[in-house]
Amino acid sequence: AREAKRTADLLVSPYNDDLVQTICRETRQLHTRAESILHAMRNNANNPDAPPPNKPSQLTQIMLHHLTVKRNKRVLFAYHRQRVEKLKELSWDVGDRRPASQREIKASLSSSEQRFLQEYGEMVNTYKQSFLDVDLGGNGGVGLDPPLDLYIEVRVLRDAGRINTEFGE
């Protein structure tokens, strides 16, 4: 979570594979511990010669492991979502990147993120191709954000004939 917050304002931070792998390994260990406690409780319940189990303590341990696993998953989802949103943003702003910054961006990504950026970029380009006469942003364009000024300048790319608005023709 600190990594995601610390790198939120960067273009693209390097993918922290070691930290992600450590969290995944910890999550698997916690899940295994919770399963072993649950398995021991079931064996004690089925075995009449076994000593009485300390159920509140064991149930608390299982719940603690379960909540920690859920927290780890939420943190990893947040980290990866932030990175995916940044990659989507980069795909729409293709014209703003120079070759040097493109190499820097690719060096910061994992292999699956590179593949996502390439495939998502292809989808965005295919979408933009069907709207060549509309400015969708990128390459210094204004984009689809609504204007903040009361009066705006309209650039006409082709004659569309008469246009009816709520104020008239």
N, C-alpha and C. Protein backbone atom coordinates (compact mmCIF):
# COMPACT_ATOMS: atom_id res chain seq x y z
N ALA A 1 0.83 -1.18 0.00
CA ALA A 1 0.00 0.00 0.00
C ALA A 1 0.87 1.25 0.00
N ARG A 2 1.97 1.21 0.79
CA ARG A 2 2.88 2.36 0.81
C ARG A 2 3.55 2.54 -0.54
N GLU A 3 3.88 1.44 -1.19
CA GLU A 3 4.51 1.51 -2.52
C GLU A 3 3.57 2.17 -3.51
N ALA A 4 2.29 1.80 -3.50
CA ALA A 4 1.32 2.39 -4.42
C ALA A 4 1.14 3.87 -4.14
N LYS A 5 1.07 4.24 -2.87
CA LYS A 5 0.88 5.64 -2.52
C LYS A 5 2.12 6.46 -2.85
N ARG A 6 3.29 5.90 -2.59
CA ARG A 6 4.55 6.61 -2.82
C ARG A 6 4.77 6.89 -4.30
N THR A 7 4.34 5.99 -5.16
CA THR A 7 4.61 6.11 -6.59
C THR A 7 3.41 6.60 -7.38
N ALA A 8 2.37 7.09 -6.72
CA ALA A 8 1.15 7.49 -7.42
C ALA A 8 1.38 8.65 -8.39
N ASP A 9 2.31 9.56 -8.05
CA ASP A 9 2.51 10.72 -8.91
C ASP A 9 3.59 10.51 -9.97
N LEU A 10 4.27 9.39 -9.97
CA LEU A 10 5.27 9.09 -11.00
C LEU A 10 4.60 8.68 -12.29
N LEU A 11 5.32 8.80 -13.40
CA LEU A 11 4.78 8.35 -14.69
C LEU A 11 4.47 6.86 -14.60
N VAL A 12 5.48 6.05 -14.43
CA VAL A 12 5.32 4.63 -14.14
C VAL A 12 6.50 4.22 -13.28
N SER A 13 6.21 3.71 -12.10
CA SER A 13 7.29 3.26 -11.22
C SER A 13 7.70 1.85 -11.63
N PRO A 14 8.94 1.46 -11.31
CA PRO A 14 9.35 0.08 -11.61
C PRO A 14 8.48 -0.92 -10.85
N TYR A 15 8.13 -2.01 -11.52
CA TYR A 15 7.29 -3.04 -10.90
C TYR A 15 8.09 -3.71 -9.79
N ASN A 16 7.52 -3.76 -8.60
CA ASN A 16 8.21 -4.31 -7.44
C ASN A 16 7.88 -5.79 -7.32
N ASP A 17 8.53 -6.60 -8.14
CA ASP A 17 8.25 -8.03 -8.20
C ASP A 17 8.60 -8.72 -6.89
N ASP A 18 9.69 -8.32 -6.25
CA ASP A 18 10.09 -8.96 -4.99
C ASP A 18 9.02 -8.78 -3.92
N LEU A 19 8.50 -7.57 -3.79
CA LEU A 19 7.47 -7.30 -2.79
C LEU A 19 6.19 -8.07 -3.10
N VAL A 20 5.78 -8.11 -4.36
CA VAL A 20 4.57 -8.84 -4.74
C VAL A 20 4.74 -10.33 -4.45
N GLN A 21 5.90 -10.89 -4.79
CA GLN A 21 6.14 -12.32 -4.53
C GLN A 21 6.16 -12.61 -3.04
N THR A 22 6.73 -11.70 -2.25
CA THR A 22 6.76 -11.88 -0.79
C THR A 22 5.34 -11.90 -0.22
N ILE A 23 4.50 -10.97 -0.68
CA ILE A 23 3.12 -10.92 -0.19
C ILE A 23 2.35 -12.17 -0.61
N CYS A 24 2.56 -12.64 -1.83
CA CYS A 24 1.89 -13.86 -2.29
C CYS A 24 2.34 -15.07 -1.46
N ARG A 25 3.65 -15.15 -1.19
CA ARG A 25 4.16 -16.25 -0.38
C ARG A 25 3.58 -16.20 1.03
N GLU A 26 3.52 -15.01 1.64
CA GLU A 26 2.94 -14.86 2.97
C GLU A 26 1.47 -15.26 2.97
N THR A 27 0.75 -14.91 1.93
CA THR A 27 -0.67 -15.24 1.83
C THR A 27 -0.86 -16.75 1.77
N ARG A 28 -0.03 -17.43 0.96
CA ARG A 28 -0.12 -18.89 0.89
C ARG A 28 0.20 -19.54 2.23
N GLN A 29 1.20 -19.01 2.95
CA GLN A 29 1.55 -19.56 4.26
C GLN A 29 0.41 -19.38 5.26
N LEU A 30 -0.19 -18.20 5.26
CA LEU A 30 -1.31 -17.96 6.18
C LEU A 30 -2.48 -18.89 5.87
N HIS A 31 -2.76 -19.07 4.59
CA HIS A 31 -3.85 -19.96 4.20
C HIS A 31 -3.55 -21.40 4.64
N THR A 32 -2.31 -21.83 4.47
CA THR A 32 -1.92 -23.18 4.87
C THR A 32 -2.06 -23.36 6.38
N ARG A 33 -1.63 -22.36 7.17
CA ARG A 33 -1.77 -22.44 8.63
C ARG A 33 -3.23 -22.53 9.04
N ALA A 34 -4.07 -21.72 8.42
CA ALA A 34 -5.50 -21.75 8.76
C ALA A 34 -6.10 -23.10 8.43
N GLU A 35 -5.72 -23.67 7.28
CA GLU A 35 -6.23 -25.00 6.92
C GLU A 35 -5.75 -26.07 7.89
N SER A 36 -4.49 -25.98 8.34
CA SER A 36 -3.97 -27.00 9.27
C SER A 36 -4.68 -26.91 10.62
N ILE A 37 -4.97 -25.70 11.09
CA ILE A 37 -5.70 -25.54 12.35
C ILE A 37 -7.10 -26.12 12.20
N LEU A 38 -7.75 -25.82 11.09
CA LEU A 38 -9.10 -26.33 10.85
C LEU A 38 -9.09 -27.85 10.74
N HIS A 39 -8.08 -28.40 10.06
CA HIS A 39 -7.97 -29.86 9.91
C HIS A 39 -7.75 -30.51 11.28
N ALA A 40 -6.92 -29.89 12.14
CA ALA A 40 -6.69 -30.43 13.49
C ALA A 40 -7.97 -30.38 14.31
N MET A 41 -8.74 -29.31 14.18
CA MET A 41 -10.00 -29.22 14.92
C MET A 41 -10.97 -30.32 14.49
N ARG A 42 -11.02 -30.58 13.18
CA ARG A 42 -11.93 -31.64 12.69
C ARG A 42 -11.48 -33.01 13.18
N ASN A 43 -10.16 -33.27 13.18
CA ASN A 43 -9.65 -34.56 13.66
C ASN A 43 -9.94 -34.74 15.14
N ASN A 44 -9.79 -33.65 15.94
CA ASN A 44 -10.08 -33.74 17.36
C ASN A 44 -11.57 -33.98 17.62
N ALA A 45 -12.42 -33.43 16.78
CA ALA A 45 -13.86 -33.63 16.95
C ALA A 45 -14.26 -35.07 16.63
N ASN A 46 -13.56 -35.70 15.69
CA ASN A 46 -13.88 -37.07 15.30
C ASN A 46 -13.20 -38.11 16.19
N ASN A 47 -12.18 -37.73 16.95
CA ASN A 47 -11.43 -38.67 17.77
C ASN A 47 -11.86 -38.50 19.24
N PRO A 48 -12.53 -39.50 19.80
CA PRO A 48 -13.01 -39.37 21.19
C PRO A 48 -11.89 -39.41 22.22
N ASP A 49 -10.72 -39.97 21.89
CA ASP A 49 -9.61 -40.07 22.84
C ASP A 49 -8.77 -38.80 22.88
N ALA A 50 -8.98 -37.87 21.96
CA ALA A 50 -8.16 -36.64 21.89
C ALA A 50 -8.54 -35.69 23.02
N PRO A 51 -7.58 -34.88 23.47
CA PRO A 51 -7.90 -33.89 24.54
C PRO A 51 -8.88 -32.85 24.00
N PRO A 52 -9.64 -32.24 24.87
CA PRO A 52 -10.62 -31.25 24.40
C PRO A 52 -9.90 -30.05 23.74
N PRO A 53 -10.39 -29.63 22.59
CA PRO A 53 -9.73 -28.52 21.89
C PRO A 53 -10.06 -27.17 22.53
N ASN A 54 -9.17 -26.24 22.33
CA ASN A 54 -9.39 -24.88 22.78
C ASN A 54 -10.03 -24.12 21.62
N LYS A 55 -11.35 -24.30 21.45
CA LYS A 55 -12.03 -23.79 20.27
C LYS A 55 -11.98 -22.27 20.12
N PRO A 56 -12.23 -21.48 21.16
CA PRO A 56 -12.18 -20.02 20.95
C PRO A 56 -10.81 -19.56 20.44
N SER A 57 -9.75 -20.12 20.99
CA SER A 57 -8.41 -19.73 20.57
C SER A 57 -8.15 -20.14 19.11
N GLN A 58 -8.53 -21.35 18.78
CA GLN A 58 -8.30 -21.84 17.41
C GLN A 58 -9.16 -21.08 16.41
N LEU A 59 -10.41 -20.82 16.75
CA LEU A 59 -11.27 -20.06 15.85
C LEU A 59 -10.76 -18.63 15.65
N THR A 60 -10.21 -18.06 16.72
CA THR A 60 -9.63 -16.72 16.61
C THR A 60 -8.42 -16.73 15.69
N GLN A 61 -7.59 -17.75 15.80
CA GLN A 61 -6.42 -17.87 14.93
C GLN A 61 -6.85 -18.00 13.46
N ILE A 62 -7.84 -18.83 13.21
CA ILE A 62 -8.33 -19.01 11.84
C ILE A 62 -8.87 -17.70 11.29
N MET A 63 -9.65 -16.99 12.11
CA MET A 63 -10.22 -15.72 11.67
C MET A 63 -9.12 -14.69 11.40
N LEU A 64 -8.12 -14.65 12.26
CA LEU A 64 -7.01 -13.71 12.07
C LEU A 64 -6.26 -14.01 10.78
N HIS A 65 -5.99 -15.28 10.53
CA HIS A 65 -5.31 -15.66 9.28
C HIS A 65 -6.17 -15.28 8.07
N HIS A 66 -7.46 -15.55 8.17
CA HIS A 66 -8.37 -15.25 7.06
C HIS A 66 -8.42 -13.74 6.77
N LEU A 67 -8.53 -12.93 7.81
CA LEU A 67 -8.58 -11.48 7.62
C LEU A 67 -7.27 -10.94 7.06
N THR A 68 -6.15 -11.51 7.48
CA THR A 68 -4.86 -11.08 6.95
C THR A 68 -4.73 -11.44 5.47
N VAL A 69 -5.22 -12.61 5.09
CA VAL A 69 -5.21 -13.00 3.68
C VAL A 69 -6.05 -12.03 2.86
N LYS A 70 -7.24 -11.70 3.37
CA LYS A 70 -8.11 -10.75 2.66
C LYS A 70 -7.44 -9.38 2.53
N ARG A 71 -6.79 -8.92 3.57
CA ARG A 71 -6.10 -7.63 3.53
C ARG A 71 -4.98 -7.66 2.50
N ASN A 72 -4.19 -8.73 2.49
CA ASN A 72 -3.11 -8.85 1.50
C ASN A 72 -3.66 -8.81 0.08
N LYS A 73 -4.77 -9.50 -0.15
CA LYS A 73 -5.37 -9.49 -1.49
C LYS A 73 -5.83 -8.09 -1.87
N ARG A 74 -6.48 -7.39 -0.93
CA ARG A 74 -6.95 -6.02 -1.23
C ARG A 74 -5.79 -5.10 -1.56
N VAL A 75 -4.70 -5.22 -0.83
CA VAL A 75 -3.53 -4.37 -1.07
C VAL A 75 -2.93 -4.68 -2.45
N LEU A 76 -2.83 -5.94 -2.78
CA LEU A 76 -2.28 -6.30 -4.10
C LEU A 76 -3.21 -5.84 -5.23
N PHE A 77 -4.51 -5.99 -5.03
CA PHE A 77 -5.46 -5.51 -6.04
C PHE A 77 -5.33 -3.99 -6.22
N ALA A 78 -5.19 -3.26 -5.13
CA ALA A 78 -5.06 -1.80 -5.22
C ALA A 78 -3.77 -1.43 -5.95
N TYR A 79 -2.68 -2.10 -5.65
CA TYR A 79 -1.39 -1.83 -6.31
C TYR A 79 -1.49 -2.07 -7.81
N HIS A 80 -2.07 -3.21 -8.18
CA HIS A 80 -2.17 -3.54 -9.60
C HIS A 80 -3.20 -2.68 -10.32
N ARG A 81 -4.27 -2.32 -9.64
CA ARG A 81 -5.26 -1.44 -10.26
C ARG A 81 -4.66 -0.07 -10.57
N GLN A 82 -3.89 0.46 -9.63
CA GLN A 82 -3.24 1.75 -9.86
C GLN A 82 -2.33 1.67 -11.08
N ARG A 83 -1.59 0.60 -11.21
CA ARG A 83 -0.68 0.45 -12.34
C ARG A 83 -1.45 0.31 -13.65
N VAL A 84 -2.55 -0.45 -13.63
CA VAL A 84 -3.35 -0.63 -14.86
C VAL A 84 -3.98 0.69 -15.28
N GLU A 85 -4.48 1.46 -14.32
CA GLU A 85 -5.07 2.76 -14.66
C GLU A 85 -4.03 3.69 -15.27
N LYS A 86 -2.80 3.64 -14.75
CA LYS A 86 -1.73 4.47 -15.30
C LYS A 86 -1.40 4.02 -16.72
N LEU A 87 -1.41 2.71 -16.98
CA LEU A 87 -1.13 2.19 -18.32
C LEU A 87 -2.24 2.58 -19.30
N LYS A 88 -3.48 2.54 -18.83
CA LYS A 88 -4.59 2.97 -19.69
C LYS A 88 -4.44 4.45 -20.05
N GLU A 89 -4.08 5.24 -19.07
CA GLU A 89 -3.87 6.67 -19.31
C GLU A 89 -2.77 6.89 -20.34
N LEU A 90 -1.69 6.12 -20.23
CA LEU A 90 -0.59 6.23 -21.18
C LEU A 90 -1.02 5.83 -22.59
N SER A 91 -1.90 4.85 -22.69
CA SER A 91 -2.37 4.40 -24.01
C SER A 91 -3.16 5.48 -24.72
N TRP A 92 -3.89 6.30 -23.98
CA TRP A 92 -4.68 7.36 -24.60
C TRP A 92 -3.81 8.57 -24.94
N ASP A 93 -2.71 8.77 -24.24
CA ASP A 93 -1.84 9.92 -24.47
C ASP A 93 -0.60 9.53 -25.26
N VAL A 94 -0.78 8.82 -26.34
CA VAL A 94 0.33 8.30 -27.13
C VAL A 94 1.22 9.42 -27.67
N GLY A 95 0.65 10.53 -28.10
CA GLY A 95 1.43 11.58 -28.74
C GLY A 95 2.35 12.32 -27.80
N ASP A 96 2.18 12.17 -26.51
CA ASP A 96 2.98 12.92 -25.55
C ASP A 96 4.30 12.24 -25.22
N ARG A 97 4.56 11.06 -25.74
CA ARG A 97 5.76 10.32 -25.34
C ARG A 97 6.84 10.37 -26.40
N ARG A 98 8.07 10.52 -25.96
CA ARG A 98 9.24 10.46 -26.83
C ARG A 98 9.81 9.06 -26.75
N PRO A 99 10.63 8.64 -27.75
CA PRO A 99 11.19 7.28 -27.71
C PRO A 99 11.97 6.98 -26.43
N ALA A 100 12.69 7.97 -25.90
CA ALA A 100 13.45 7.72 -24.66
C ALA A 100 12.53 7.41 -23.50
N SER A 101 11.43 8.15 -23.39
CA SER A 101 10.50 7.89 -22.29
C SER A 101 9.75 6.58 -22.51
N GLN A 102 9.52 6.19 -23.77
CA GLN A 102 8.87 4.91 -24.05
C GLN A 102 9.75 3.76 -23.58
N ARG A 103 11.06 3.86 -23.82
CA ARG A 103 11.99 2.81 -23.35
C ARG A 103 12.01 2.76 -21.83
N GLU A 104 11.98 3.92 -21.20
CA GLU A 104 11.97 3.98 -19.74
C GLU A 104 10.70 3.36 -19.17
N ILE A 105 9.58 3.62 -19.83
CA ILE A 105 8.30 3.05 -19.38
C ILE A 105 8.33 1.54 -19.51
N LYS A 106 8.78 1.04 -20.67
CA LYS A 106 8.80 -0.42 -20.88
C LYS A 106 9.74 -1.11 -19.90
N ALA A 107 10.84 -0.45 -19.52
CA ALA A 107 11.78 -1.04 -18.57
C ALA A 107 11.16 -1.13 -17.17
N SER A 108 10.18 -0.30 -16.88
CA SER A 108 9.55 -0.29 -15.56
C SER A 108 8.41 -1.29 -15.42
N LEU A 109 8.01 -1.92 -16.51
CA LEU A 109 6.84 -2.79 -16.49
C LEU A 109 7.23 -4.25 -16.39
N SER A 110 6.33 -5.04 -15.83
CA SER A 110 6.50 -6.49 -15.85
C SER A 110 6.12 -6.99 -17.25
N SER A 111 6.39 -8.24 -17.54
CA SER A 111 6.10 -8.78 -18.88
C SER A 111 4.59 -8.77 -19.16
N SER A 112 3.79 -9.09 -18.15
CA SER A 112 2.33 -9.09 -18.37
C SER A 112 1.82 -7.66 -18.55
N GLU A 113 2.43 -6.68 -17.87
CA GLU A 113 2.03 -5.29 -18.06
C GLU A 113 2.43 -4.79 -19.45
N GLN A 114 3.59 -5.21 -19.93
CA GLN A 114 4.00 -4.83 -21.29
C GLN A 114 3.03 -5.38 -22.32
N ARG A 115 2.63 -6.64 -22.13
CA ARG A 115 1.67 -7.26 -23.04
C ARG A 115 0.32 -6.52 -22.97
N PHE A 116 -0.12 -6.17 -21.75
CA PHE A 116 -1.37 -5.42 -21.60
C PHE A 116 -1.28 -4.07 -22.29
N LEU A 117 -0.18 -3.35 -22.08
CA LEU A 117 -0.01 -2.03 -22.68
C LEU A 117 -0.05 -2.12 -24.20
N GLN A 118 0.59 -3.13 -24.75
CA GLN A 118 0.60 -3.30 -26.21
C GLN A 118 -0.80 -3.61 -26.73
N GLU A 119 -1.49 -4.58 -26.12
CA GLU A 119 -2.81 -4.98 -26.60
C GLU A 119 -3.85 -3.88 -26.37
N TYR A 120 -3.79 -3.22 -25.23
CA TYR A 120 -4.74 -2.14 -24.96
C TYR A 120 -4.47 -0.96 -25.90
N GLY A 121 -3.19 -0.68 -26.16
CA GLY A 121 -2.84 0.38 -27.11
C GLY A 121 -3.36 0.10 -28.50
N GLU A 122 -3.31 -1.15 -28.91
CA GLU A 122 -3.86 -1.54 -30.22
C GLU A 122 -5.37 -1.34 -30.26
N MET A 123 -6.05 -1.68 -29.17
CA MET A 123 -7.50 -1.48 -29.11
C MET A 123 -7.85 0.01 -29.16
N VAL A 124 -7.09 0.84 -28.45
CA VAL A 124 -7.34 2.28 -28.46
C VAL A 124 -7.12 2.85 -29.85
N ASN A 125 -6.03 2.41 -30.51
CA ASN A 125 -5.75 2.90 -31.86
C ASN A 125 -6.83 2.47 -32.84
N THR A 126 -7.32 1.26 -32.72
CA THR A 126 -8.40 0.78 -33.57
C THR A 126 -9.66 1.62 -33.34
N TYR A 127 -9.93 1.93 -32.10
CA TYR A 127 -11.10 2.77 -31.78
C TYR A 127 -10.93 4.17 -32.35
N LYS A 128 -9.73 4.74 -32.19
CA LYS A 128 -9.49 6.10 -32.68
C LYS A 128 -9.56 6.17 -34.21
N GLN A 129 -9.24 5.07 -34.88
CA GLN A 129 -9.27 5.07 -36.34
C GLN A 129 -10.67 5.31 -36.89
N SER A 130 -11.68 4.90 -36.14
CA SER A 130 -13.05 5.09 -36.61
C SER A 130 -13.55 6.52 -36.36
N PHE A 131 -12.74 7.33 -35.69
CA PHE A 131 -13.11 8.72 -35.41
C PHE A 131 -11.99 9.67 -35.82
N LEU A 132 -11.50 9.51 -37.02
CA LEU A 132 -10.39 10.35 -37.47
C LEU A 132 -10.76 11.83 -37.54
N ASP A 133 -12.04 12.14 -37.81
CA ASP A 133 -12.43 13.53 -37.93
C ASP A 133 -12.84 14.15 -36.59
N VAL A 134 -12.76 13.40 -35.49
CA VAL A 134 -13.08 13.91 -34.16
C VAL A 134 -11.80 13.90 -33.33
N ASP A 135 -11.56 14.98 -32.61
CA ASP A 135 -10.36 15.08 -31.79
C ASP A 135 -10.59 14.34 -30.47
N LEU A 136 -9.94 13.16 -30.32
CA LEU A 136 -10.10 12.35 -29.12
C LEU A 136 -8.98 12.57 -28.12
N GLY A 137 -8.15 13.57 -28.32
CA GLY A 137 -7.04 13.82 -27.40
C GLY A 137 -5.79 13.14 -27.90
N GLY A 138 -4.70 13.36 -27.19
CA GLY A 138 -3.41 12.85 -27.61
C GLY A 138 -2.87 13.71 -28.74
N ASN A 139 -1.59 13.63 -28.99
CA ASN A 139 -0.92 14.41 -30.03
C ASN A 139 -1.23 15.90 -29.92
N GLY A 140 -1.33 16.42 -28.73
CA GLY A 140 -1.58 17.84 -28.52
C GLY A 140 -3.04 18.24 -28.67
N GLY A 141 -3.94 17.28 -28.85
CA GLY A 141 -5.36 17.60 -29.03
C GLY A 141 -6.02 17.96 -27.71
N VAL A 142 -7.19 18.55 -27.83
CA VAL A 142 -7.93 18.98 -26.65
C VAL A 142 -8.52 17.78 -25.92
N GLY A 143 -9.07 16.84 -26.65
CA GLY A 143 -9.61 15.64 -26.04
C GLY A 143 -11.09 15.75 -25.74
N LEU A 144 -11.58 14.79 -24.98
CA LEU A 144 -13.01 14.70 -24.69
C LEU A 144 -13.40 15.33 -23.37
N ASP A 145 -12.48 16.00 -22.69
CA ASP A 145 -12.82 16.66 -21.44
C ASP A 145 -13.68 17.89 -21.75
N PRO A 146 -14.70 18.13 -20.94
CA PRO A 146 -15.56 19.29 -21.21
C PRO A 146 -14.79 20.59 -20.98
N PRO A 147 -15.10 21.63 -21.74
CA PRO A 147 -14.40 22.91 -21.57
C PRO A 147 -14.81 23.58 -20.27
N LEU A 148 -13.90 24.38 -19.73
CA LEU A 148 -14.18 25.11 -18.50
C LEU A 148 -14.60 26.55 -18.78
N ASP A 149 -14.28 27.06 -19.97
CA ASP A 149 -14.62 28.44 -20.34
C ASP A 149 -16.06 28.52 -20.84
N LEU A 150 -16.62 29.71 -20.69
CA LEU A 150 -17.98 29.94 -21.17
C LEU A 150 -18.02 29.91 -22.69
N TYR A 151 -17.04 30.53 -23.32
CA TYR A 151 -16.96 30.55 -24.78
C TYR A 151 -15.77 29.70 -25.21
N ILE A 152 -15.99 28.87 -26.22
CA ILE A 152 -14.93 28.01 -26.71
C ILE A 152 -14.70 28.25 -28.19
N GLU A 153 -13.54 27.88 -28.65
CA GLU A 153 -13.21 27.97 -30.07
C GLU A 153 -13.48 26.61 -30.68
N VAL A 154 -14.21 26.61 -31.79
CA VAL A 154 -14.55 25.36 -32.45
C VAL A 154 -13.74 25.28 -33.74
N ARG A 155 -13.02 24.18 -33.90
CA ARG A 155 -12.26 23.96 -35.13
C ARG A 155 -13.08 23.05 -36.03
N VAL A 156 -13.36 23.51 -37.23
CA VAL A 156 -14.17 22.74 -38.17
C VAL A 156 -13.22 21.97 -39.08
N LEU A 157 -13.35 20.64 -39.06
CA LEU A 157 -12.50 19.80 -39.90
C LEU A 157 -13.17 19.48 -41.24
N ARG A 158 -14.49 19.48 -41.27
CA ARG A 158 -15.21 19.26 -42.51
C ARG A 158 -16.59 19.91 -42.38
N ASP A 159 -17.18 20.25 -43.50
CA ASP A 159 -18.48 20.91 -43.51
C ASP A 159 -19.56 19.88 -43.18
N ALA A 160 -20.31 20.15 -42.10
CA ALA A 160 -21.37 19.24 -41.68
C ALA A 160 -22.74 19.79 -42.02
N GLY A 161 -22.79 20.89 -42.71
CA GLY A 161 -24.08 21.50 -43.05
C GLY A 161 -24.60 22.30 -41.89
N ARG A 162 -25.91 22.46 -41.83
CA ARG A 162 -26.54 23.22 -40.75
C ARG A 162 -26.63 22.35 -39.49
N ILE A 163 -26.33 22.97 -38.37
CA ILE A 163 -26.36 22.26 -37.09
C ILE A 163 -27.36 22.95 -36.19
N ASN A 164 -28.28 22.18 -35.62
CA ASN A 164 -29.29 22.71 -34.71
C ASN A 164 -28.85 22.49 -33.26
N THR A 165 -28.88 23.58 -32.49
CA THR A 165 -28.59 23.48 -31.06
C THR A 165 -29.82 23.95 -30.31
N GLU A 166 -29.73 23.94 -28.98
CA GLU A 166 -30.86 24.38 -28.17
C GLU A 166 -31.09 25.89 -28.30
N PHE A 167 -30.09 26.63 -28.80
CA PHE A 167 -30.21 28.07 -28.99
C PHE A 167 -30.58 28.45 -30.41
N GLY A 168 -30.80 27.48 -31.24
CA GLY A 168 -31.17 27.75 -32.63
C GLY A 168 -30.20 27.12 -33.60
N GLU A 169 -30.28 27.56 -34.84
CA GLU A 169 -29.49 26.99 -35.92
C GLU A 169 -28.08 27.56 -35.94
